[in-house]
Amino acid sequence: MVRRFLHNAIKMIVEFQVEENDPPETRKTLDRLVAAGHDREEAVQIIAGAITEEVWGVLRGQKDFDRAHFRALLENLH
């Protein structure tokens, strides 16, 4: 139950970032992944993985949110 809640929350973050165009790289990545043949839901899931990786580092206390690192994660998604 908690896992599903977190999964949905991360997907909502992706959708919010796309809607607000903040950061703009999220929308660009979504468009790029869809153009590469992923359906939209799959592309959102892929981006959610990058968000999860960045958030996990913050939650473990290893670092502050690093926008440049997040952009690099997005750029490397296929």
C-alpha atoms as a PDB file:
ATOM      1  CA  MET A   1       0.000   0.000   0.000  1.00  0.00           C
ATOM      2  CA  VAL A   2       2.764   2.443   0.933  1.00  0.00           C
ATOM      3  CA  ARG A   3       4.751   1.433  -2.116  1.00  0.00           C
ATOM      4  CA  ARG A   4       1.791   2.142  -4.414  1.00  0.00           C
ATOM      5  CA  PHE A   5       1.215   5.487  -2.704  1.00  0.00           C
ATOM      6  CA  LEU A   6       4.852   6.490  -3.234  1.00  0.00           C
ATOM      7  CA  HIS A   7       4.756   5.291  -6.826  1.00  0.00           C
ATOM      8  CA  ASN A   8       1.694   7.429  -7.523  1.00  0.00           C
ATOM      9  CA  ALA A   9       3.194  10.405  -5.690  1.00  0.00           C
ATOM     10  CA  ILE A  10       6.346  10.283  -7.827  1.00  0.00           C
ATOM     11  CA  LYS A  11       4.248  10.049 -11.004  1.00  0.00           C
ATOM     12  CA  MET A  12       2.326  13.112  -9.818  1.00  0.00           C
ATOM     13  CA  ILE A  13       5.631  14.949  -9.413  1.00  0.00           C
ATOM     14  CA  VAL A  14       6.519  14.127 -13.017  1.00  0.00           C
ATOM     15  CA  GLU A  15       3.132  15.371 -14.217  1.00  0.00           C
ATOM     16  CA  PHE A  16       3.460  18.544 -12.141  1.00  0.00           C
ATOM     17  CA  GLN A  17       6.936  19.225 -13.517  1.00  0.00           C
ATOM     18  CA  VAL A  18       5.633  18.752 -17.067  1.00  0.00           C
ATOM     19  CA  GLU A  19       2.600  20.962 -16.463  1.00  0.00           C
ATOM     20  CA  GLU A  20       4.643  23.735 -14.837  1.00  0.00           C
ATOM     21  CA  ASN A  21       7.556  23.267 -17.234  1.00  0.00           C
ATOM     22  CA  ASP A  22       9.845  23.321 -14.208  1.00  0.00           C
ATOM     23  CA  PRO A  23      12.387  22.116 -14.807  1.00  0.00           C
ATOM     24  CA  PRO A  24      11.913  22.356 -18.560  1.00  0.00           C
ATOM     25  CA  GLU A  25      14.153  19.321 -19.020  1.00  0.00           C
ATOM     26  CA  THR A  26      11.387  17.085 -17.667  1.00  0.00           C
ATOM     27  CA  ARG A  27       9.012  18.050 -20.485  1.00  0.00           C
ATOM     28  CA  LYS A  28      11.822  17.809 -23.040  1.00  0.00           C
ATOM     29  CA  THR A  29      12.709  14.355 -21.767  1.00  0.00           C
ATOM     30  CA  LEU A  30       9.077  13.220 -21.896  1.00  0.00           C
ATOM     31  CA  ASP A  31       8.761  14.458 -25.471  1.00  0.00           C
ATOM     32  CA  ARG A  32      12.061  12.806 -26.426  1.00  0.00           C
ATOM     33  CA  LEU A  33      11.102   9.457 -24.892  1.00  0.00           C
ATOM     34  CA  VAL A  34       7.693   9.465 -26.586  1.00  0.00           C
ATOM     35  CA  ALA A  35       9.314  10.374 -29.915  1.00  0.00           C
ATOM     36  CA  ALA A  36      11.689   7.443 -29.402  1.00  0.00           C
ATOM     37  CA  GLY A  37       8.736   5.059 -29.246  1.00  0.00           C
ATOM     38  CA  HIS A  38       7.773   4.856 -25.571  1.00  0.00           C
ATOM     39  CA  ASP A  39       4.121   5.378 -24.802  1.00  0.00           C
ATOM     40  CA  ARG A  40       3.440   8.338 -22.530  1.00  0.00           C
ATOM     41  CA  GLU A  41       2.806   6.233 -19.399  1.00  0.00           C
ATOM     42  CA  GLU A  42       6.039   4.330 -19.907  1.00  0.00           C
ATOM     43  CA  ALA A  43       7.944   7.594 -20.435  1.00  0.00           C
ATOM     44  CA  VAL A  44       6.499   9.012 -17.204  1.00  0.00           C
ATOM     45  CA  GLN A  45       7.609   5.830 -15.393  1.00  0.00           C
ATOM     46  CA  ILE A  46      11.130   6.192 -16.766  1.00  0.00           C
ATOM     47  CA  ILE A  47      11.341   9.824 -15.642  1.00  0.00           C
ATOM     48  CA  ALA A  48       9.903   8.838 -12.259  1.00  0.00           C
ATOM     49  CA  GLY A  49      12.917   6.576 -11.816  1.00  0.00           C
ATOM     50  CA  ALA A  50      15.262   9.551 -12.210  1.00  0.00           C
ATOM     51  CA  ILE A  51      13.248  11.581  -9.716  1.00  0.00           C
ATOM     52  CA  THR A  52      13.288   8.676  -7.278  1.00  0.00           C
ATOM     53  CA  GLU A  53      17.062   8.394  -7.554  1.00  0.00           C
ATOM     54  CA  GLU A  54      17.547  12.087  -6.845  1.00  0.00           C
ATOM     55  CA  VAL A  55      15.024  12.178  -3.984  1.00  0.00           C
ATOM     56  CA  TRP A  56      16.475   9.039  -2.418  1.00  0.00           C
ATOM     57  CA  GLY A  57      19.883  10.686  -2.129  1.00  0.00           C
ATOM     58  CA  VAL A  58      18.310  13.698  -0.438  1.00  0.00           C
ATOM     59  CA  LEU A  59      16.301  11.538   1.976  1.00  0.00           C
ATOM     60  CA  ARG A  60      19.350   9.523   2.967  1.00  0.00           C
ATOM     61  CA  GLY A  61      20.981  12.816   3.870  1.00  0.00           C
ATOM     62  CA  GLN A  62      23.813  12.355   1.428  1.00  0.00           C
ATOM     63  CA  LYS A  63      23.198  15.570  -0.462  1.00  0.00           C
ATOM     64  CA  ASP A  64      20.896  18.451  -1.193  1.00  0.00           C
ATOM     65  CA  PHE A  65      18.778  18.385  -4.327  1.00  0.00           C
ATOM     66  CA  ASP A  66      21.199  18.862  -7.198  1.00  0.00           C
ATOM     67  CA  ARG A  67      19.438  20.309 -10.225  1.00  0.00           C
ATOM     68  CA  ALA A  68      22.464  19.773 -12.485  1.00  0.00           C
ATOM     69  CA  HIS A  69      22.657  16.110 -11.455  1.00  0.00           C
ATOM     70  CA  PHE A  70      18.924  15.708 -12.059  1.00  0.00           C
ATOM     71  CA  ARG A  71      19.293  17.226 -15.534  1.00  0.00           C
ATOM     72  CA  ALA A  72      22.129  14.791 -16.260  1.00  0.00           C
ATOM     73  CA  LEU A  73      19.949  11.869 -15.130  1.00  0.00           C
ATOM     74  CA  LEU A  74      17.202  13.020 -17.494  1.00  0.00           C
ATOM     75  CA  GLU A  75      19.612  13.433 -20.397  1.00  0.00           C
ATOM     76  CA  ASN A  76      20.799   9.846 -19.979  1.00  0.00           C
ATOM     77  CA  LEU A  77      17.328   8.281 -20.092  1.00  0.00           C
ATOM     78  CA  HIS A  78      16.488   6.167 -23.133  1.00  0.00           C
END
